[in-house]
């Protein structure tokens, strides 16, 4: 009878440990996915910064518009990049 009780406790302990490991792995998967989304958003923002610089330089080189209009073009480009990054993250 003592062996049966010991075996039941051992099985219960194994099931509990397995459940804890499964729950822990699910949490890691979620954290990893969020990290990937943050990285992708950061990459988009960095690419956008360079793109907005190029937009302003091209605008000023063309000398077709005022400097304030070039600034607005740069701001608009950056805003679009930020929105794209938000769409990736959320």
C-alpha atoms as a PDB file:
ATOM      1  CA  UNK A   1       0.000   0.000   0.000  1.00  0.00           C
ATOM      2  CA  UNK A   2       2.884   2.359   0.729  1.00  0.00           C
ATOM      3  CA  UNK A   3       4.228   1.762  -2.769  1.00  0.00           C
ATOM      4  CA  UNK A   4       0.927   2.812  -4.332  1.00  0.00           C
ATOM      5  CA  UNK A   5       0.858   6.072  -2.401  1.00  0.00           C
ATOM      6  CA  UNK A   6       4.467   6.777  -3.307  1.00  0.00           C
ATOM      7  CA  UNK A   7       3.773   6.032  -7.004  1.00  0.00           C
ATOM      8  CA  UNK A   8       0.707   8.300  -6.988  1.00  0.00           C
ATOM      9  CA  UNK A   9       2.699  11.142  -5.437  1.00  0.00           C
ATOM     10  CA  UNK A  10       5.495  10.652  -7.967  1.00  0.00           C
ATOM     11  CA  UNK A  11       3.024  10.770 -10.869  1.00  0.00           C
ATOM     12  CA  UNK A  12       1.413  13.879  -9.402  1.00  0.00           C
ATOM     13  CA  UNK A  13       4.800  15.530  -9.050  1.00  0.00           C
ATOM     14  CA  UNK A  14       5.726  14.665 -12.647  1.00  0.00           C
ATOM     15  CA  UNK A  15       2.436  16.069 -13.951  1.00  0.00           C
ATOM     16  CA  UNK A  16       2.924  19.261 -11.944  1.00  0.00           C
ATOM     17  CA  UNK A  17       6.466  19.740 -13.225  1.00  0.00           C
ATOM     18  CA  UNK A  18       5.358  19.110 -16.809  1.00  0.00           C
ATOM     19  CA  UNK A  19       2.577  21.684 -16.456  1.00  0.00           C
ATOM     20  CA  UNK A  20       5.004  24.260 -15.060  1.00  0.00           C
ATOM     21  CA  UNK A  21       7.464  23.684 -17.895  1.00  0.00           C
ATOM     22  CA  UNK A  22       4.696  24.024 -20.465  1.00  0.00           C
ATOM     23  CA  UNK A  23       3.501  27.292 -18.905  1.00  0.00           C
ATOM     24  CA  UNK A  24       7.053  28.647 -18.772  1.00  0.00           C
ATOM     25  CA  UNK A  25       7.697  27.843 -22.435  1.00  0.00           C
ATOM     26  CA  UNK A  26       4.486  29.632 -23.457  1.00  0.00           C
ATOM     27  CA  UNK A  27       5.631  32.778 -21.651  1.00  0.00           C
ATOM     28  CA  UNK A  28       8.993  32.653 -23.418  1.00  0.00           C
ATOM     29  CA  UNK A  29       7.321  32.331 -26.814  1.00  0.00           C
ATOM     30  CA  UNK A  30       5.209  35.414 -26.181  1.00  0.00           C
ATOM     31  CA  UNK A  31       8.200  37.419 -24.983  1.00  0.00           C
ATOM     32  CA  UNK A  32      10.210  36.370 -28.026  1.00  0.00           C
ATOM     33  CA  UNK A  33       7.418  37.428 -30.374  1.00  0.00           C
ATOM     34  CA  UNK A  34       7.201  40.839 -28.696  1.00  0.00           C
ATOM     35  CA  UNK A  35      10.962  41.258 -28.951  1.00  0.00           C
ATOM     36  CA  UNK A  36      10.833  40.491 -32.666  1.00  0.00           C
ATOM     37  CA  UNK A  37       8.061  43.047 -33.139  1.00  0.00           C
ATOM     38  CA  UNK A  38      10.052  45.684 -31.258  1.00  0.00           C
ATOM     39  CA  UNK A  39      13.131  44.934 -33.363  1.00  0.00           C
ATOM     40  CA  UNK A  40      11.152  45.160 -36.597  1.00  0.00           C
ATOM     41  CA  UNK A  41       9.620  48.470 -35.494  1.00  0.00           C
ATOM     42  CA  UNK A  42      13.032  49.849 -34.555  1.00  0.00           C
ATOM     43  CA  UNK A  43      14.455  48.800 -37.914  1.00  0.00           C
ATOM     44  CA  UNK A  44      11.622  50.553 -39.738  1.00  0.00           C
ATOM     45  CA  UNK A  45      12.186  53.751 -37.757  1.00  0.00           C
ATOM     46  CA  UNK A  46      15.930  53.701 -38.464  1.00  0.00           C
ATOM     47  CA  UNK A  47      15.335  53.200 -42.176  1.00  0.00           C
ATOM     48  CA  UNK A  48      12.777  55.986 -42.099  1.00  0.00           C
ATOM     49  CA  UNK A  49      15.248  58.410 -40.540  1.00  0.00           C
ATOM     50  CA  UNK A  50      17.679  57.911 -43.388  1.00  0.00           C
ATOM     51  CA  UNK A  51      14.862  58.116 -45.908  1.00  0.00           C
ATOM     52  CA  UNK A  52      13.631  61.395 -44.462  1.00  0.00           C
ATOM     53  CA  UNK A  53      17.159  62.832 -44.577  1.00  0.00           C
ATOM     54  CA  UNK A  54      17.410  61.856 -48.218  1.00  0.00           C
ATOM     55  CA  UNK A  55      14.010  63.408 -48.902  1.00  0.00           C
ATOM     56  CA  UNK A  56      15.104  66.715 -47.422  1.00  0.00           C
ATOM     57  CA  UNK A  57      18.461  66.689 -49.208  1.00  0.00           C
ATOM     58  CA  UNK A  58      16.802  65.969 -52.537  1.00  0.00           C
ATOM     59  CA  UNK A  59      14.270  68.711 -51.894  1.00  0.00           C
ATOM     60  CA  UNK A  60      16.962  71.257 -51.078  1.00  0.00           C
ATOM     61  CA  UNK A  61      19.137  70.142 -54.014  1.00  0.00           C
ATOM     62  CA  UNK A  62      16.222  70.579 -56.402  1.00  0.00           C
ATOM     63  CA  UNK A  63      15.738  74.074 -54.941  1.00  0.00           C
ATOM     64  CA  UNK A  64      12.177  74.069 -56.190  1.00  0.00           C
ATOM     65  CA  UNK A  65      10.550  74.688 -52.838  1.00  0.00           C
ATOM     66  CA  UNK A  66      11.260  76.679 -49.726  1.00  0.00           C
ATOM     67  CA  UNK A  67      13.248  75.262 -46.835  1.00  0.00           C
ATOM     68  CA  UNK A  68      10.095  75.166 -44.724  1.00  0.00           C
ATOM     69  CA  UNK A  69       8.388  72.986 -47.326  1.00  0.00           C
ATOM     70  CA  UNK A  70      11.404  70.651 -47.285  1.00  0.00           C
ATOM     71  CA  UNK A  71      11.098  70.413 -43.493  1.00  0.00           C
ATOM     72  CA  UNK A  72       7.416  69.536 -43.839  1.00  0.00           C
ATOM     73  CA  UNK A  73       8.262  66.827 -46.367  1.00  0.00           C
ATOM     74  CA  UNK A  74      10.827  65.397 -43.945  1.00  0.00           C
ATOM     75  CA  UNK A  75       8.341  65.459 -41.060  1.00  0.00           C
ATOM     76  CA  UNK A  76       5.687  63.766 -43.135  1.00  0.00           C
ATOM     77  CA  UNK A  77       8.119  61.019 -44.159  1.00  0.00           C
ATOM     78  CA  UNK A  78       9.092  60.431 -40.526  1.00  0.00           C
ATOM     79  CA  UNK A  79       5.443  60.326 -39.425  1.00  0.00           C
ATOM     80  CA  UNK A  80       4.685  57.684 -42.035  1.00  0.00           C
ATOM     81  CA  UNK A  81       7.597  55.596 -40.768  1.00  0.00           C
ATOM     82  CA  UNK A  82       6.442  55.925 -37.173  1.00  0.00           C
ATOM     83  CA  UNK A  83       2.955  54.804 -38.130  1.00  0.00           C
ATOM     84  CA  UNK A  84       4.369  51.798 -39.969  1.00  0.00           C
ATOM     85  CA  UNK A  85       6.389  50.870 -36.858  1.00  0.00           C
ATOM     86  CA  UNK A  86       3.251  51.172 -34.692  1.00  0.00           C
ATOM     87  CA  UNK A  87       1.361  48.931 -37.080  1.00  0.00           C
ATOM     88  CA  UNK A  88       4.077  46.295 -36.732  1.00  0.00           C
ATOM     89  CA  UNK A  89       4.190  46.445 -32.942  1.00  0.00           C
ATOM     90  CA  UNK A  90       0.458  46.579 -32.242  1.00  0.00           C
END
